[in-house]
Structures are given as structure tokens and as C-alpha cells.
PDB file of all heavy atoms in Angstrom:
ATOM      1  N   LEU A   1       0.843  -1.258  -0.021  1.00  0.00           N
ATOM      2  CA  LEU A   1      -0.166  -0.027   0.089  1.00  0.00           C
ATOM      3  C   LEU A   1       0.957   1.271   0.005  1.00  0.00           C
ATOM      4  O   LEU A   1       1.842   1.325   0.785  1.00  0.00           O
ATOM      5  CB  LEU A   1      -0.926  -0.058   1.228  1.00  0.00           C
ATOM      6  CG  LEU A   1      -1.835  -1.171   1.516  1.00  0.00           C
ATOM      7  CD1 LEU A   1      -2.492  -1.050   2.793  1.00  0.00           C
ATOM      8  CD2 LEU A   1      -2.963  -1.156   0.299  1.00  0.00           C
ATOM      9  N   VAL A   2       0.599   2.186  -0.911  1.00  0.00           N
ATOM     10  CA  VAL A   2       1.362   3.430  -0.961  1.00  0.00           C
ATOM     11  C   VAL A   2       0.482   4.622  -0.975  1.00  0.00           C
ATOM     12  O   VAL A   2      -0.584   4.570  -1.847  1.00  0.00           O
ATOM     13  CB  VAL A   2       2.385   3.460  -2.144  1.00  0.00           C
ATOM     14  CG1 VAL A   2       3.116   4.704  -2.131  1.00  0.00           C
ATOM     15  CG2 VAL A   2       3.238   2.380  -2.213  1.00  0.00           C
ATOM     16  N   ASN A   3       0.641   5.560  -0.147  1.00  0.00           N
ATOM     17  CA  ASN A   3      -0.253   6.876  -0.065  1.00  0.00           C
ATOM     18  C   ASN A   3       0.724   7.871  -0.411  1.00  0.00           C
ATOM     19  O   ASN A   3       1.808   8.028   0.240  1.00  0.00           O
ATOM     20  CB  ASN A   3      -0.931   7.001   1.290  1.00  0.00           C
ATOM     21  CG  ASN A   3      -2.031   5.958   1.517  1.00  0.00           C
ATOM     22  OD1 ASN A   3      -2.756   5.722   0.545  1.00  0.00           O
ATOM     23  ND2 ASN A   3      -1.818   5.255   2.624  1.00  0.00           N
ATOM     24  N   TYR A   4       0.395   8.940  -1.061  1.00  0.00           N
ATOM     25  CA  TYR A   4       1.004  10.088  -1.427  1.00  0.00           C
ATOM     26  C   TYR A   4       0.485  11.485  -0.769  1.00  0.00           C
ATOM     27  O   TYR A   4      -0.731  11.407  -0.822  1.00  0.00           O
ATOM     28  CB  TYR A   4       1.337  10.235  -2.869  1.00  0.00           C
ATOM     29  CG  TYR A   4       1.814   9.057  -3.641  1.00  0.00           C
ATOM     30  CD1 TYR A   4       0.873   8.147  -4.322  1.00  0.00           C
ATOM     31  CD2 TYR A   4       3.065   8.650  -3.669  1.00  0.00           C
ATOM     32  CE1 TYR A   4       1.293   7.070  -4.975  1.00  0.00           C
ATOM     33  CE2 TYR A   4       3.585   7.694  -4.177  1.00  0.00           C
ATOM     34  CZ  TYR A   4       2.682   6.784  -4.936  1.00  0.00           C
ATOM     35  OH  TYR A   4       3.063   5.667  -5.413  1.00  0.00           O
ATOM     36  N   ASP A   5       1.346  12.406  -0.569  1.00  0.00           N
ATOM     37  CA  ASP A   5       0.800  13.694  -0.251  1.00  0.00           C
ATOM     38  C   ASP A   5       1.847  14.653  -0.774  1.00  0.00           C
ATOM     39  O   ASP A   5       3.125  14.369  -0.863  1.00  0.00           O
ATOM     40  CB  ASP A   5       0.692  13.766   1.184  1.00  0.00           C
ATOM     41  CG  ASP A   5      -0.372  15.042   1.589  1.00  0.00           C
ATOM     42  OD1 ASP A   5      -0.874  15.677   0.699  1.00  0.00           O
ATOM     43  OD2 ASP A   5      -0.431  15.291   2.759  1.00  0.00           O
ATOM     44  N   TYR A   6       1.405  15.916  -1.190  1.00  0.00           N
ATOM     45  CA  TYR A   6       2.344  16.826  -1.657  1.00  0.00           C
ATOM     46  C   TYR A   6       1.776  18.263  -1.514  1.00  0.00           C
ATOM     47  O   TYR A   6       0.535  18.486  -1.492  1.00  0.00           O
ATOM     48  CB  TYR A   6       2.681  16.584  -3.103  1.00  0.00           C
ATOM     49  CG  TYR A   6       1.549  16.624  -4.114  1.00  0.00           C
ATOM     50  CD1 TYR A   6       1.280  17.809  -4.775  1.00  0.00           C
ATOM     51  CD2 TYR A   6       0.806  15.446  -4.321  1.00  0.00           C
ATOM     52  CE1 TYR A   6       0.183  17.840  -5.715  1.00  0.00           C
ATOM     53  CE2 TYR A   6      -0.235  15.527  -5.255  1.00  0.00           C
ATOM     54  CZ  TYR A   6      -0.520  16.705  -5.905  1.00  0.00           C
ATOM     55  OH  TYR A   6      -1.638  16.750  -6.882  1.00  0.00           O
ATOM     56  N   GLU A   7       2.496  19.181  -1.614  1.00  0.00           N
ATOM     57  CA  GLU A   7       2.184  20.669  -1.632  1.00  0.00           C
ATOM     58  C   GLU A   7       1.766  20.986  -3.001  1.00  0.00           C
ATOM     59  O   GLU A   7       2.565  20.960  -3.975  1.00  0.00           O
ATOM     60  CB  GLU A   7       3.413  21.516  -1.130  1.00  0.00           C
ATOM     61  CG  GLU A   7       3.175  22.935  -1.190  1.00  0.00           C
ATOM     62  CD  GLU A   7       1.970  23.384  -0.317  1.00  0.00           C
ATOM     63  OE1 GLU A   7       1.871  22.967   0.931  1.00  0.00           O
ATOM     64  OE2 GLU A   7       1.116  24.264  -0.786  1.00  0.00           O
ATOM     65  N   LYS A   8       0.512  21.405  -3.164  1.00  0.00           N
ATOM     66  CA  LYS A   8       0.115  21.727  -4.512  1.00  0.00           C
ATOM     67  C   LYS A   8       0.761  22.744  -5.191  1.00  0.00           C
ATOM     68  O   LYS A   8       0.760  22.765  -6.448  1.00  0.00           O
ATOM     69  CB  LYS A   8      -1.480  22.066  -4.513  1.00  0.00           C
ATOM     70  CG  LYS A   8      -2.286  20.797  -4.078  1.00  0.00           C
ATOM     71  CD  LYS A   8      -3.798  20.949  -4.059  1.00  0.00           C
ATOM     72  CE  LYS A   8      -4.361  22.401  -4.450  1.00  0.00           C
ATOM     73  NZ  LYS A   8      -5.844  22.484  -4.100  1.00  0.00           N
ATOM     74  N   SER A   9       1.255  23.812  -4.590  1.00  0.00           N
ATOM     75  CA  SER A   9       1.879  24.931  -5.140  1.00  0.00           C
ATOM     76  C   SER A   9       3.351  24.702  -5.634  1.00  0.00           C
ATOM     77  O   SER A   9       3.971  25.650  -6.201  1.00  0.00           O
ATOM     78  CB  SER A   9       1.937  26.095  -4.248  1.00  0.00           C
ATOM     79  OG  SER A   9       2.701  25.874  -3.040  1.00  0.00           O
ATOM     80  N   THR A  10       3.836  23.413  -5.347  1.00  0.00           N
ATOM     81  CA  THR A  10       5.315  23.120  -5.738  1.00  0.00           C
ATOM     82  C   THR A  10       5.493  22.965  -7.203  1.00  0.00           C
ATOM     83  O   THR A  10       4.699  22.306  -7.944  1.00  0.00           O
ATOM     84  CB  THR A  10       5.687  21.791  -5.018  1.00  0.00           C
ATOM     85  OG1 THR A  10       5.402  21.881  -3.611  1.00  0.00           O
ATOM     86  CG2 THR A  10       7.098  21.375  -5.378  1.00  0.00           C
ATOM     87  N   ASP A  11       6.621  23.551  -7.736  1.00  0.00           N
ATOM     88  CA  ASP A  11       7.040  23.405  -9.055  1.00  0.00           C
ATOM     89  C   ASP A  11       8.026  22.264  -9.045  1.00  0.00           C
ATOM     90  O   ASP A  11       9.251  22.502  -8.755  1.00  0.00           O
ATOM     91  CB  ASP A  11       7.628  24.748  -9.518  1.00  0.00           C
ATOM     92  CG  ASP A  11       8.209  24.613 -10.894  1.00  0.00           C
ATOM     93  OD1 ASP A  11       7.973  23.605 -11.651  1.00  0.00           O
ATOM     94  OD2 ASP A  11       8.960  25.463 -11.392  1.00  0.00           O
ATOM     95  N   PHE A  12       7.589  21.074  -9.322  1.00  0.00           N
ATOM     96  CA  PHE A  12       8.564  19.888  -9.212  1.00  0.00           C
ATOM     97  C   PHE A  12       9.636  19.903 -10.342  1.00  0.00           C
ATOM     98  O   PHE A  12      10.668  19.310 -10.158  1.00  0.00           O
ATOM     99  CB  PHE A  12       7.737  18.617  -9.293  1.00  0.00           C
ATOM    100  CG  PHE A  12       6.847  18.251  -8.096  1.00  0.00           C
ATOM    101  CD1 PHE A  12       5.619  18.832  -8.052  1.00  0.00           C
ATOM    102  CD2 PHE A  12       7.391  17.591  -7.039  1.00  0.00           C
ATOM    103  CE1 PHE A  12       4.865  18.542  -6.861  1.00  0.00           C
ATOM    104  CE2 PHE A  12       6.706  17.408  -5.926  1.00  0.00           C
ATOM    105  CZ  PHE A  12       5.281  17.887  -5.676  1.00  0.00           C
ATOM    106  N   ALA A  13       9.441  20.676 -11.394  1.00  0.00           N
ATOM    107  CA  ALA A  13      10.494  20.711 -12.449  1.00  0.00           C
ATOM    108  C   ALA A  13      11.618  21.428 -11.985  1.00  0.00           C
ATOM    109  O   ALA A  13      12.861  21.164 -12.502  1.00  0.00           O
ATOM    110  CB  ALA A  13       9.903  21.399 -13.571  1.00  0.00           C
ATOM    111  N   LYS A  14      11.554  22.215 -10.911  1.00  0.00           N
ATOM    112  CA  LYS A  14      12.893  22.972 -10.477  1.00  0.00           C
ATOM    113  C   LYS A  14      13.807  22.017  -9.677  1.00  0.00           C
ATOM    114  O   LYS A  14      14.969  22.482  -9.449  1.00  0.00           O
ATOM    115  CB  LYS A  14      12.395  24.210  -9.689  1.00  0.00           C
ATOM    116  CG  LYS A  14      12.017  23.847  -8.239  1.00  0.00           C
ATOM    117  CD  LYS A  14      11.718  25.187  -7.507  1.00  0.00           C
ATOM    118  CE  LYS A  14      11.363  24.863  -6.094  1.00  0.00           C
ATOM    119  NZ  LYS A  14      11.104  26.005  -5.329  1.00  0.00           N
ATOM    120  N   TYR A  15      13.301  20.861  -9.221  1.00  0.00           N
ATOM    121  CA  TYR A  15      14.159  20.064  -8.445  1.00  0.00           C
ATOM    122  C   TYR A  15      14.938  19.007  -9.318  1.00  0.00           C
ATOM    123  O   TYR A  15      14.311  18.114  -9.991  1.00  0.00           O
ATOM    124  CB  TYR A  15      13.265  19.160  -7.382  1.00  0.00           C
ATOM    125  CG  TYR A  15      12.706  20.149  -6.442  1.00  0.00           C
ATOM    126  CD1 TYR A  15      11.321  20.325  -6.462  1.00  0.00           C
ATOM    127  CD2 TYR A  15      13.500  20.849  -5.428  1.00  0.00           C
ATOM    128  CE1 TYR A  15      10.598  21.212  -5.507  1.00  0.00           C
ATOM    129  CE2 TYR A  15      12.878  21.642  -4.470  1.00  0.00           C
ATOM    130  CZ  TYR A  15      11.483  21.857  -4.593  1.00  0.00           C
ATOM    131  OH  TYR A  15      10.858  22.727  -3.683  1.00  0.00           O
ATOM    132  N   LYS A  16      16.291  19.173  -9.417  1.00  0.00           N
ATOM    133  CA  LYS A  16      17.080  18.249 -10.262  1.00  0.00           C
ATOM    134  C   LYS A  16      18.070  17.508  -9.542  1.00  0.00           C
ATOM    135  O   LYS A  16      18.642  16.467  -9.923  1.00  0.00           O
ATOM    136  CB  LYS A  16      17.896  19.148 -11.183  1.00  0.00           C
ATOM    137  CG  LYS A  16      16.934  19.978 -12.159  1.00  0.00           C
ATOM    138  CD  LYS A  16      16.226  19.128 -13.011  1.00  0.00           C
ATOM    139  CE  LYS A  16      15.329  19.996 -14.052  1.00  0.00           C
ATOM    140  NZ  LYS A  16      14.245  19.209 -14.713  1.00  0.00           N
ATOM    141  N   THR A  17      18.429  17.982  -8.163  1.00  0.00           N
ATOM    142  CA  THR A  17      19.521  17.317  -7.430  1.00  0.00           C
ATOM    143  C   THR A  17      18.922  17.138  -6.000  1.00  0.00           C
ATOM    144  O   THR A  17      18.079  17.748  -5.515  1.00  0.00           O
ATOM    145  CB  THR A  17      20.821  18.084  -7.382  1.00  0.00           C
ATOM    146  OG1 THR A  17      20.482  19.338  -6.708  1.00  0.00           O
ATOM    147  CG2 THR A  17      21.394  18.353  -8.663  1.00  0.00           C
ATOM    148  N   TYR A  18      19.488  15.998  -5.367  1.00  0.00           N
ATOM    149  CA  TYR A  18      18.939  15.628  -4.008  1.00  0.00           C
ATOM    150  C   TYR A  18      20.182  15.017  -3.286  1.00  0.00           C
ATOM    151  O   TYR A  18      21.263  14.752  -3.742  1.00  0.00           O
ATOM    152  CB  TYR A  18      17.918  14.587  -4.186  1.00  0.00           C
ATOM    153  CG  TYR A  18      18.370  13.264  -4.675  1.00  0.00           C
ATOM    154  CD1 TYR A  18      18.760  12.174  -3.702  1.00  0.00           C
ATOM    155  CD2 TYR A  18      18.534  12.988  -5.942  1.00  0.00           C
ATOM    156  CE1 TYR A  18      19.324  11.046  -4.154  1.00  0.00           C
ATOM    157  CE2 TYR A  18      19.078  11.780  -6.429  1.00  0.00           C
ATOM    158  CZ  TYR A  18      19.493  10.820  -5.470  1.00  0.00           C
ATOM    159  OH  TYR A  18      19.944   9.513  -5.940  1.00  0.00           O
ATOM    160  N   ASN A  19      19.925  14.849  -1.902  1.00  0.00           N
ATOM    161  CA  ASN A  19      20.847  14.101  -1.102  1.00  0.00           C
ATOM    162  C   ASN A  19      20.041  13.701   0.159  1.00  0.00           C
ATOM    163  O   ASN A  19      18.847  14.086   0.237  1.00  0.00           O
ATOM    164  CB  ASN A  19      21.997  15.000  -0.630  1.00  0.00           C
ATOM    165  CG  ASN A  19      23.208  14.049  -0.316  1.00  0.00           C
ATOM    166  OD1 ASN A  19      23.104  12.890  -0.021  1.00  0.00           O
ATOM    167  ND2 ASN A  19      24.368  14.592  -0.383  1.00  0.00           N
ATOM    168  N   TYR A  20      20.520  12.982   0.980  1.00  0.00           N
ATOM    169  CA  TYR A  20      19.877  12.395   2.165  1.00  0.00           C
ATOM    170  C   TYR A  20      20.331  13.346   3.370  1.00  0.00           C
ATOM    171  O   TYR A  20      21.519  13.711   3.342  1.00  0.00           O
ATOM    172  CB  TYR A  20      20.262  10.967   2.370  1.00  0.00           C
ATOM    173  CG  TYR A  20      19.885  10.033   1.293  1.00  0.00           C
ATOM    174  CD1 TYR A  20      20.741   9.757   0.323  1.00  0.00           C
ATOM    175  CD2 TYR A  20      18.562   9.591   1.198  1.00  0.00           C
ATOM    176  CE1 TYR A  20      20.450   8.933  -0.886  1.00  0.00           C
ATOM    177  CE2 TYR A  20      18.228   8.736   0.108  1.00  0.00           C
ATOM    178  CZ  TYR A  20      19.127   8.471  -0.874  1.00  0.00           C
ATOM    179  OH  TYR A  20      18.736   7.625  -1.937  1.00  0.00           O
ATOM    180  N   PHE A  21      19.469  13.494   4.350  1.00  0.00           N
ATOM    181  CA  PHE A  21      19.856  14.109   5.639  1.00  0.00           C
ATOM    182  C   PHE A  21      20.903  13.259   6.287  1.00  0.00           C
ATOM    183  O   PHE A  21      20.834  12.031   6.304  1.00  0.00           O
ATOM    184  CB  PHE A  21      18.619  14.169   6.492  1.00  0.00           C
ATOM    185  CG  PHE A  21      17.744  15.392   6.242  1.00  0.00           C
ATOM    186  CD1 PHE A  21      16.439  15.167   5.816  1.00  0.00           C
ATOM    187  CD2 PHE A  21      18.224  16.667   6.465  1.00  0.00           C
ATOM    188  CE1 PHE A  21      15.570  16.160   5.517  1.00  0.00           C
ATOM    189  CE2 PHE A  21      17.337  17.694   6.242  1.00  0.00           C
ATOM    190  CZ  PHE A  21      16.080  17.492   5.774  1.00  0.00           C
ATOM    191  N   ASP A  22      21.891  13.871   6.858  1.00  0.00           N
ATOM    192  CA  ASP A  22      23.139  13.144   7.427  1.00  0.00           C
ATOM    193  C   ASP A  22      22.525  12.440   8.764  1.00  0.00           C
ATOM    194  O   ASP A  22      23.130  11.474   9.067  1.00  0.00           O
ATOM    195  CB  ASP A  22      24.203  14.220   7.868  1.00  0.00           C
ATOM    196  CG  ASP A  22      24.858  14.610   6.618  1.00  0.00           C
ATOM    197  OD1 ASP A  22      24.940  13.872   5.565  1.00  0.00           O
ATOM    198  OD2 ASP A  22      25.397  15.789   6.789  1.00  0.00           O
ATOM    199  N   ASP A  23      21.551  12.945   9.420  1.00  0.00           N
ATOM    200  CA  ASP A  23      21.241  12.475  10.752  1.00  0.00           C
ATOM    201  C   ASP A  23      19.985  11.592  10.607  1.00  0.00           C
ATOM    202  O   ASP A  23      19.304  11.617  11.597  1.00  0.00           O
ATOM    203  CB  ASP A  23      21.055  13.605  11.756  1.00  0.00           C
ATOM    204  CG  ASP A  23      20.093  14.725  11.369  1.00  0.00           C
ATOM    205  OD1 ASP A  23      19.634  14.538  10.108  1.00  0.00           O
ATOM    206  OD2 ASP A  23      19.678  15.516  12.134  1.00  0.00           O
ATOM    207  N   MET A  24      19.739  10.990   9.513  1.00  0.00           N
ATOM    208  CA  MET A  24      18.573  10.083   9.454  1.00  0.00           C
ATOM    209  C   MET A  24      18.535   9.049  10.456  1.00  0.00           C
ATOM    210  O   MET A  24      19.623   8.429  10.684  1.00  0.00           O
ATOM    211  CB  MET A  24      18.291   9.545   8.095  1.00  0.00           C
ATOM    212  CG  MET A  24      17.820  10.406   7.145  1.00  0.00           C
ATOM    213  SD  MET A  24      17.438   9.577   5.538  1.00  0.00           S
ATOM    214  CE  MET A  24      18.855   8.612   5.061  1.00  0.00           C
ATOM    215  N   GLU A  25      17.334   8.788  11.061  1.00  0.00           N
ATOM    216  CA  GLU A  25      17.086   7.546  11.873  1.00  0.00           C
ATOM    217  C   GLU A  25      16.009   6.781  11.178  1.00  0.00           C
ATOM    218  O   GLU A  25      14.824   6.989  11.478  1.00  0.00           O
ATOM    219  CB  GLU A  25      16.601   8.134  13.286  1.00  0.00           C
ATOM    220  CG  GLU A  25      17.586   8.874  14.020  1.00  0.00           C
ATOM    221  CD  GLU A  25      18.680   8.179  14.798  1.00  0.00           C
ATOM    222  OE1 GLU A  25      18.367   6.940  15.231  1.00  0.00           O
ATOM    223  OE2 GLU A  25      19.626   8.714  15.076  1.00  0.00           O
ATOM    224  N   THR A  26      16.461   5.838  10.337  1.00  0.00           N
ATOM    225  CA  THR A  26      15.575   5.159   9.436  1.00  0.00           C
ATOM    226  C   THR A  26      14.739   4.126  10.156  1.00  0.00           C
ATOM    227  O   THR A  26      13.686   3.670   9.660  1.00  0.00           O
ATOM    228  CB  THR A  26      16.279   4.672   8.291  1.00  0.00           C
ATOM    229  OG1 THR A  26      17.077   3.674   8.720  1.00  0.00           O
ATOM    230  CG2 THR A  26      17.044   5.627   7.491  1.00  0.00           C
ATOM    231  N   GLY A  27      15.257   3.548  11.199  1.00  0.00           N
ATOM    232  CA  GLY A  27      14.701   2.537  11.773  1.00  0.00           C
ATOM    233  C   GLY A  27      15.120   1.152  11.234  1.00  0.00           C
ATOM    234  O   GLY A  27      14.577   0.095  11.516  1.00  0.00           O
ATOM    235  N   LEU A  28      16.024   1.197  10.134  1.00  0.00           N
ATOM    236  CA  LEU A  28      16.576  -0.040   9.453  1.00  0.00           C
ATOM    237  C   LEU A  28      17.895  -0.290   9.965  1.00  0.00           C
ATOM    238  O   LEU A  28      18.555   0.568  10.546  1.00  0.00           O
ATOM    239  CB  LEU A  28      16.589   0.209   7.974  1.00  0.00           C
ATOM    240  CG  LEU A  28      15.135   0.477   7.272  1.00  0.00           C
ATOM    241  CD1 LEU A  28      15.471   0.988   5.901  1.00  0.00           C
ATOM    242  CD2 LEU A  28      14.335  -0.711   7.275  1.00  0.00           C
TER     243      LEU A  28
END
């Protein structure tokens, strides 16, 4: 099961690069 949510005003085309937070506590 997958559910999505997003900010409607977001311009997704402007996002080209990403990284992960350094201090993630994933539970894995």
C-alpha cells in the first residue's frame, strides 16, 4: 500500500538534485 501527499503549489520541475539528511534515523 502506498499513499502520497504533496504541496500543490510546488514546481517539481525545479528539483534536479538531491541528497539524504546526514542524521536520518531510518529504523532499518
